[in-house]
Amino acid sequence: MTELDLEDWDPFTPREVAEILEHADVPWWIAGGYAIDAFVGHFDRRPHADVDAGILARDQEAIRGALATWELFCADPPGTLRRWAPDEQLEEPIHDVWGRPGPCESWRLALVLNPALEDTWIYRRDARITRPLAELCFERDGIRYFVPEIQLLFKSKGLRPKDELDFLHALPLLAASQRDWLREALVLTTPQHPWLARL
């Protein structure tokens, strides 16, 4: 691949991410479509172009330490990559970091930084939406995943075909409390969202 070929992804599986991050002494979880896979119970629902590991923004140095031998690049809005400088503390609007084991290798992992205050997670797109950190993840086969209602909230912005598919597969399995949380969040952020009628 060229120096920064944005299309050359060969993503880790959630299990491989867990093996890489197992010694990081801070919370992390699998996000994105894999989180919906884990909730639904099927990891062959659809292909995945990448894999996202969610972390708290305040824990970025600990995670960076676990990936000390990797090349890490910040995704600067609106869509360019640059090397994550040594000792640089990332802050919004930068919240995505792409990683690869070495020069000219494929991208294997994306880190997604999440704001938090003490024991509370904060939705980066609307600070009115929060969640206790203790309610942020569920576990499947020893790996932590983003709870589906929060993951679907992130997916609600784009309404790409894969996001619609994830919503369709997760919807029948959401508990009443999960539906309520997602509905209330969408009413706050996107009152005319097409998913509301189905929740």
C-alpha atoms as a PDB file:
ATOM      1  CA  MET A   1       0.000   0.000   0.000  1.00  0.00           C
ATOM      2  CA  THR A   2       1.027   3.616  -0.315  1.00  0.00           C
ATOM      3  CA  GLU A   3       1.958   5.581   2.781  1.00  0.00           C
ATOM      4  CA  LEU A   4      -1.629   6.426   3.699  1.00  0.00           C
ATOM      5  CA  ASP A   5      -3.867   4.220   1.603  1.00  0.00           C
ATOM      6  CA  LEU A   6      -7.223   4.747   3.300  1.00  0.00           C
ATOM      7  CA  GLU A   7      -8.771   1.746   1.602  1.00  0.00           C
ATOM      8  CA  ASP A   8      -6.243  -0.895   2.632  1.00  0.00           C
ATOM      9  CA  TRP A   9      -7.927  -2.403   5.668  1.00  0.00           C
ATOM     10  CA  ASP A  10      -7.370  -5.913   6.971  1.00  0.00           C
ATOM     11  CA  PRO A  11      -9.195  -5.569  10.287  1.00  0.00           C
ATOM     12  CA  PHE A  12      -8.583  -7.690  13.327  1.00  0.00           C
ATOM     13  CA  THR A  13     -11.414  -9.804  14.670  1.00  0.00           C
ATOM     14  CA  PRO A  14     -12.811  -8.802  18.075  1.00  0.00           C
ATOM     15  CA  ARG A  15     -10.831 -11.688  19.611  1.00  0.00           C
ATOM     16  CA  GLU A  16      -7.590 -10.401  18.075  1.00  0.00           C
ATOM     17  CA  VAL A  17      -8.328  -6.909  19.389  1.00  0.00           C
ATOM     18  CA  ALA A  18      -8.842  -8.402  22.846  1.00  0.00           C
ATOM     19  CA  GLU A  19      -5.468 -10.132  22.648  1.00  0.00           C
ATOM     20  CA  ILE A  20      -3.732  -6.894  21.667  1.00  0.00           C
ATOM     21  CA  LEU A  21      -5.393  -4.789  24.381  1.00  0.00           C
ATOM     22  CA  GLU A  22      -5.613  -7.377  27.173  1.00  0.00           C
ATOM     23  CA  HIS A  23      -2.798  -5.748  29.171  1.00  0.00           C
ATOM     24  CA  ALA A  24      -4.186  -2.217  28.969  1.00  0.00           C
ATOM     25  CA  ASP A  25      -5.360  -1.496  32.502  1.00  0.00           C
ATOM     26  CA  VAL A  26      -8.236   0.764  31.405  1.00  0.00           C
ATOM     27  CA  PRO A  27     -11.716   0.079  30.031  1.00  0.00           C
ATOM     28  CA  TRP A  28     -12.120  -0.604  26.324  1.00  0.00           C
ATOM     29  CA  TRP A  29     -14.815  -2.256  24.240  1.00  0.00           C
ATOM     30  CA  ILE A  30     -15.644  -3.323  20.711  1.00  0.00           C
ATOM     31  CA  ALA A  31     -17.960  -0.877  18.945  1.00  0.00           C
ATOM     32  CA  GLY A  32     -19.478  -0.536  15.484  1.00  0.00           C
ATOM     33  CA  GLY A  33     -21.119  -3.330  13.562  1.00  0.00           C
ATOM     34  CA  TYR A  34     -19.331  -6.002  15.580  1.00  0.00           C
ATOM     35  CA  ALA A  35     -21.154  -4.762  18.691  1.00  0.00           C
ATOM     36  CA  ILE A  36     -24.464  -5.396  16.943  1.00  0.00           C
ATOM     37  CA  ASP A  37     -23.188  -8.816  15.825  1.00  0.00           C
ATOM     38  CA  ALA A  38     -22.418  -9.718  19.428  1.00  0.00           C
ATOM     39  CA  PHE A  39     -25.818  -8.507  20.618  1.00  0.00           C
ATOM     40  CA  VAL A  40     -27.692 -10.381  17.884  1.00  0.00           C
ATOM     41  CA  GLY A  41     -25.511 -13.462  18.347  1.00  0.00           C
ATOM     42  CA  HIS A  42     -24.377 -13.810  14.730  1.00  0.00           C
ATOM     43  CA  PHE A  43     -20.927 -12.730  13.526  1.00  0.00           C
ATOM     44  CA  ASP A  44     -21.648 -13.577   9.898  1.00  0.00           C
ATOM     45  CA  ARG A  45     -24.577 -11.179   9.350  1.00  0.00           C
ATOM     46  CA  ARG A  46     -22.618  -8.902   7.050  1.00  0.00           C
ATOM     47  CA  PRO A  47     -19.013  -8.068   6.125  1.00  0.00           C
ATOM     48  CA  HIS A  48     -17.044  -5.520   8.145  1.00  0.00           C
ATOM     49  CA  ALA A  49     -14.610  -3.123   6.495  1.00  0.00           C
ATOM     50  CA  ASP A  50     -12.905  -2.218   9.798  1.00  0.00           C
ATOM     51  CA  VAL A  51     -13.051  -2.818  13.535  1.00  0.00           C
ATOM     52  CA  ASP A  52     -13.565  -0.106  16.178  1.00  0.00           C
ATOM     53  CA  ALA A  53     -12.346  -0.266  19.765  1.00  0.00           C
ATOM     54  CA  GLY A  54     -14.001   2.299  21.997  1.00  0.00           C
ATOM     55  CA  ILE A  55     -12.011   3.883  24.804  1.00  0.00           C
ATOM     56  CA  LEU A  56     -12.444   6.817  27.148  1.00  0.00           C
ATOM     57  CA  ALA A  57     -10.571   9.862  25.876  1.00  0.00           C
ATOM     58  CA  ARG A  58      -8.940  10.263  29.273  1.00  0.00           C
ATOM     59  CA  ASP A  59      -7.368   6.784  28.930  1.00  0.00           C
ATOM     60  CA  GLN A  60      -5.712   7.407  25.569  1.00  0.00           C
ATOM     61  CA  GLU A  61      -2.153   7.269  26.889  1.00  0.00           C
ATOM     62  CA  ALA A  62      -2.696   3.867  28.507  1.00  0.00           C
ATOM     63  CA  ILE A  63      -4.084   2.465  25.268  1.00  0.00           C
ATOM     64  CA  ARG A  64      -1.272   4.090  23.327  1.00  0.00           C
ATOM     65  CA  GLY A  65       1.171   2.349  25.624  1.00  0.00           C
ATOM     66  CA  ALA A  66      -0.421  -1.004  24.805  1.00  0.00           C
ATOM     67  CA  LEU A  67       0.185  -0.217  21.122  1.00  0.00           C
ATOM     68  CA  ALA A  68       3.654   1.250  21.646  1.00  0.00           C
ATOM     69  CA  THR A  69       5.207  -0.526  18.656  1.00  0.00           C
ATOM     70  CA  TRP A  70       2.389   0.417  16.281  1.00  0.00           C
ATOM     71  CA  GLU A  71       2.021   3.276  13.845  1.00  0.00           C
ATOM     72  CA  LEU A  72      -0.910   5.394  14.981  1.00  0.00           C
ATOM     73  CA  PHE A  73      -2.552   8.119  12.908  1.00  0.00           C
ATOM     74  CA  CYS A  74      -5.145  10.695  13.961  1.00  0.00           C
ATOM     75  CA  ALA A  75      -8.134  11.138  11.701  1.00  0.00           C
ATOM     76  CA  ASP A  76      -8.386  14.918  11.538  1.00  0.00           C
ATOM     77  CA  PRO A  77     -11.776  16.181  10.386  1.00  0.00           C
ATOM     78  CA  PRO A  78     -12.820  16.385   7.620  1.00  0.00           C
ATOM     79  CA  GLY A  79     -11.095  13.130   6.725  1.00  0.00           C
ATOM     80  CA  THR A  80      -7.300  13.387   6.599  1.00  0.00           C
ATOM     81  CA  LEU A  81      -4.771  11.300   8.473  1.00  0.00           C
ATOM     82  CA  ARG A  82      -1.650  12.499  10.243  1.00  0.00           C
ATOM     83  CA  ARG A  83       0.754  10.784  12.604  1.00  0.00           C
ATOM     84  CA  TRP A  84      -0.193  10.947  16.272  1.00  0.00           C
ATOM     85  CA  ALA A  85       2.648  13.048  17.613  1.00  0.00           C
ATOM     86  CA  PRO A  86       4.537  11.868  20.703  1.00  0.00           C
ATOM     87  CA  ASP A  87       3.073  13.279  23.939  1.00  0.00           C
ATOM     88  CA  GLU A  88       0.109  14.761  22.038  1.00  0.00           C
ATOM     89  CA  GLN A  89      -3.132  14.687  24.024  1.00  0.00           C
ATOM     90  CA  LEU A  90      -6.020  14.312  21.594  1.00  0.00           C
ATOM     91  CA  GLU A  91      -9.110  16.428  22.106  1.00  0.00           C
ATOM     92  CA  GLU A  92     -12.322  16.985  20.177  1.00  0.00           C
ATOM     93  CA  PRO A  93     -12.972  17.231  17.314  1.00  0.00           C
ATOM     94  CA  ILE A  94     -10.336  14.498  16.940  1.00  0.00           C
ATOM     95  CA  HIS A  95     -11.777  11.226  18.206  1.00  0.00           C
ATOM     96  CA  ASP A  96     -10.590   8.569  15.730  1.00  0.00           C
ATOM     97  CA  VAL A  97      -7.146   6.951  15.601  1.00  0.00           C
ATOM     98  CA  TRP A  98      -6.172   4.387  12.967  1.00  0.00           C
ATOM     99  CA  GLY A  99      -3.507   1.833  13.741  1.00  0.00           C
ATOM    100  CA  ARG A 100      -1.290  -0.596  11.871  1.00  0.00           C
ATOM    101  CA  PRO A 101       1.520  -2.794  13.196  1.00  0.00           C
ATOM    102  CA  GLY A 102       4.192  -1.234  10.995  1.00  0.00           C
ATOM    103  CA  PRO A 103       5.005   0.911   7.955  1.00  0.00           C
ATOM    104  CA  CYS A 104       3.186   0.037   4.751  1.00  0.00           C
ATOM    105  CA  GLU A 105       1.043  -2.605   6.466  1.00  0.00           C
ATOM    106  CA  SER A 106      -2.737  -2.655   6.297  1.00  0.00           C
ATOM    107  CA  TRP A 107      -4.866  -0.839   8.834  1.00  0.00           C
ATOM    108  CA  ARG A 108      -5.910  -3.319  11.535  1.00  0.00           C
ATOM    109  CA  LEU A 109      -7.703  -1.309  14.208  1.00  0.00           C
ATOM    110  CA  ALA A 110      -9.473   2.002  14.796  1.00  0.00           C
ATOM    111  CA  LEU A 111      -9.640   3.566  18.253  1.00  0.00           C
ATOM    112  CA  VAL A 112     -12.672   5.727  19.002  1.00  0.00           C
ATOM    113  CA  LEU A 113     -12.254   8.192  21.870  1.00  0.00           C
ATOM    114  CA  ASN A 114     -15.295   8.851  24.062  1.00  0.00           C
ATOM    115  CA  PRO A 115     -15.714  11.768  26.465  1.00  0.00           C
ATOM    116  CA  ALA A 116     -16.510  11.056  30.102  1.00  0.00           C
ATOM    117  CA  LEU A 117     -16.800  12.949  33.363  1.00  0.00           C
ATOM    118  CA  GLU A 118     -15.977  10.940  36.454  1.00  0.00           C
ATOM    119  CA  ASP A 119     -18.240   7.858  36.233  1.00  0.00           C
ATOM    120  CA  THR A 120     -20.411   9.146  33.404  1.00  0.00           C
ATOM    121  CA  TRP A 121     -20.053   8.605  29.651  1.00  0.00           C
ATOM    122  CA  ILE A 122     -21.022  11.587  27.483  1.00  0.00           C
ATOM    123  CA  TYR A 123     -22.323  11.331  23.919  1.00  0.00           C
ATOM    124  CA  ARG A 124     -19.857  13.426  21.962  1.00  0.00           C
ATOM    125  CA  ARG A 125     -22.495  14.694  19.505  1.00  0.00           C
ATOM    126  CA  ASP A 126     -24.856  15.957  22.220  1.00  0.00           C
ATOM    127  CA  ALA A 127     -23.683  16.334  25.816  1.00  0.00           C
ATOM    128  CA  ARG A 128     -27.262  16.145  27.094  1.00  0.00           C
ATOM    129  CA  ILE A 129     -27.112  12.400  26.497  1.00  0.00           C
ATOM    130  CA  THR A 130     -25.145  10.509  29.118  1.00  0.00           C
ATOM    131  CA  ARG A 131     -24.875   7.042  30.599  1.00  0.00           C
ATOM    132  CA  PRO A 132     -23.196   5.625  33.719  1.00  0.00           C
ATOM    133  CA  LEU A 133     -19.941   3.954  32.721  1.00  0.00           C
ATOM    134  CA  ALA A 134     -21.138   0.787  34.440  1.00  0.00           C
ATOM    135  CA  GLU A 135     -23.970   0.551  31.876  1.00  0.00           C
ATOM    136  CA  LEU A 136     -21.861   1.166  28.779  1.00  0.00           C
ATOM    137  CA  CYS A 137     -20.979  -2.407  27.810  1.00  0.00           C
ATOM    138  CA  PHE A 138     -22.129  -5.986  27.807  1.00  0.00           C
ATOM    139  CA  GLU A 139     -19.922  -9.046  27.613  1.00  0.00           C
ATOM    140  CA  ARG A 140     -19.985 -11.948  25.174  1.00  0.00           C
ATOM    141  CA  ASP A 141     -17.401 -14.722  25.186  1.00  0.00           C
ATOM    142  CA  GLY A 142     -15.208 -12.695  27.526  1.00  0.00           C
ATOM    143  CA  ILE A 143     -15.109  -9.583  25.299  1.00  0.00           C
ATOM    144  CA  ARG A 144     -16.795  -6.259  26.121  1.00  0.00           C
ATOM    145  CA  TYR A 145     -19.045  -4.644  23.514  1.00  0.00           C
ATOM    146  CA  PHE A 146     -20.906  -1.325  23.303  1.00  0.00           C
ATOM    147  CA  VAL A 147     -24.531  -1.811  24.378  1.00  0.00           C
ATOM    148  CA  PRO A 148     -26.751  -1.855  21.271  1.00  0.00           C
ATOM    149  CA  GLU A 149     -28.881   1.172  22.078  1.00  0.00           C
ATOM    150  CA  ILE A 150     -25.815   3.433  22.263  1.00  0.00           C
ATOM    151  CA  GLN A 151     -24.267   1.890  19.173  1.00  0.00           C
ATOM    152  CA  LEU A 152     -27.509   2.403  17.266  1.00  0.00           C
ATOM    153  CA  LEU A 153     -27.590   6.033  18.385  1.00  0.00           C
ATOM    154  CA  PHE A 154     -24.210   6.522  16.693  1.00  0.00           C
ATOM    155  CA  LYS A 155     -25.449   4.679  13.625  1.00  0.00           C
ATOM    156  CA  SER A 156     -28.616   6.779  13.442  1.00  0.00           C
ATOM    157  CA  LYS A 157     -26.713   9.745  12.015  1.00  0.00           C
ATOM    158  CA  GLY A 158     -25.638   8.208   8.716  1.00  0.00           C
ATOM    159  CA  LEU A 159     -28.489   5.868   7.785  1.00  0.00           C
ATOM    160  CA  ARG A 160     -26.171   3.984   5.482  1.00  0.00           C
ATOM    161  CA  PRO A 161     -27.482   0.622   4.246  1.00  0.00           C
ATOM    162  CA  LYS A 162     -25.346  -1.209   6.803  1.00  0.00           C
ATOM    163  CA  ASP A 163     -26.739   0.969   9.613  1.00  0.00           C
ATOM    164  CA  GLU A 164     -30.302   0.252   8.516  1.00  0.00           C
ATOM    165  CA  LEU A 165     -29.462  -3.456   8.455  1.00  0.00           C
ATOM    166  CA  ASP A 166     -27.981  -3.294  11.950  1.00  0.00           C
ATOM    167  CA  PHE A 167     -31.093  -1.521  13.246  1.00  0.00           C
ATOM    168  CA  LEU A 168     -33.348  -4.081  11.553  1.00  0.00           C
ATOM    169  CA  HIS A 169     -31.477  -7.011  13.112  1.00  0.00           C
ATOM    170  CA  ALA A 170     -31.188  -5.519  16.598  1.00  0.00           C
ATOM    171  CA  LEU A 171     -34.673  -4.024  16.935  1.00  0.00           C
ATOM    172  CA  PRO A 172     -36.619  -7.226  17.759  1.00  0.00           C
ATOM    173  CA  LEU A 173     -34.111  -8.127  20.481  1.00  0.00           C
ATOM    174  CA  LEU A 174     -33.999  -4.779  22.291  1.00  0.00           C
ATOM    175  CA  ALA A 175     -35.494  -4.805  25.766  1.00  0.00           C
ATOM    176  CA  ALA A 176     -38.153  -2.206  26.548  1.00  0.00           C
ATOM    177  CA  SER A 177     -35.633  -0.174  28.550  1.00  0.00           C
ATOM    178  CA  GLN A 178     -33.187  -0.173  25.621  1.00  0.00           C
ATOM    179  CA  ARG A 179     -35.894   0.938  23.184  1.00  0.00           C
ATOM    180  CA  ASP A 180     -36.936   3.684  25.591  1.00  0.00           C
ATOM    181  CA  TRP A 181     -33.371   4.957  25.969  1.00  0.00           C
ATOM    182  CA  LEU A 182     -32.779   5.035  22.210  1.00  0.00           C
ATOM    183  CA  ARG A 183     -36.145   6.655  21.565  1.00  0.00           C
ATOM    184  CA  GLU A 184     -35.500   9.406  24.124  1.00  0.00           C
ATOM    185  CA  ALA A 185     -32.021  10.032  22.721  1.00  0.00           C
ATOM    186  CA  LEU A 186     -33.356  10.307  19.171  1.00  0.00           C
ATOM    187  CA  VAL A 187     -36.125  12.672  20.253  1.00  0.00           C
ATOM    188  CA  LEU A 188     -33.419  14.930  21.682  1.00  0.00           C
ATOM    189  CA  THR A 189     -31.033  14.736  18.733  1.00  0.00           C
ATOM    190  CA  THR A 190     -33.231  14.079  15.686  1.00  0.00           C
ATOM    191  CA  PRO A 191     -36.940  14.498  16.471  1.00  0.00           C
ATOM    192  CA  GLN A 192     -37.976  13.552  12.924  1.00  0.00           C
ATOM    193  CA  HIS A 193     -35.790  10.460  12.722  1.00  0.00           C
ATOM    194  CA  PRO A 194     -37.425   7.641  10.727  1.00  0.00           C
ATOM    195  CA  TRP A 195     -36.504   5.032  13.359  1.00  0.00           C
ATOM    196  CA  LEU A 196     -38.731   6.670  15.963  1.00  0.00           C
ATOM    197  CA  ALA A 197     -41.931   5.283  14.491  1.00  0.00           C
ATOM    198  CA  ARG A 198     -40.494   1.786  14.708  1.00  0.00           C
ATOM    199  CA  LEU A 199     -39.353   2.133  18.318  1.00  0.00           C
END
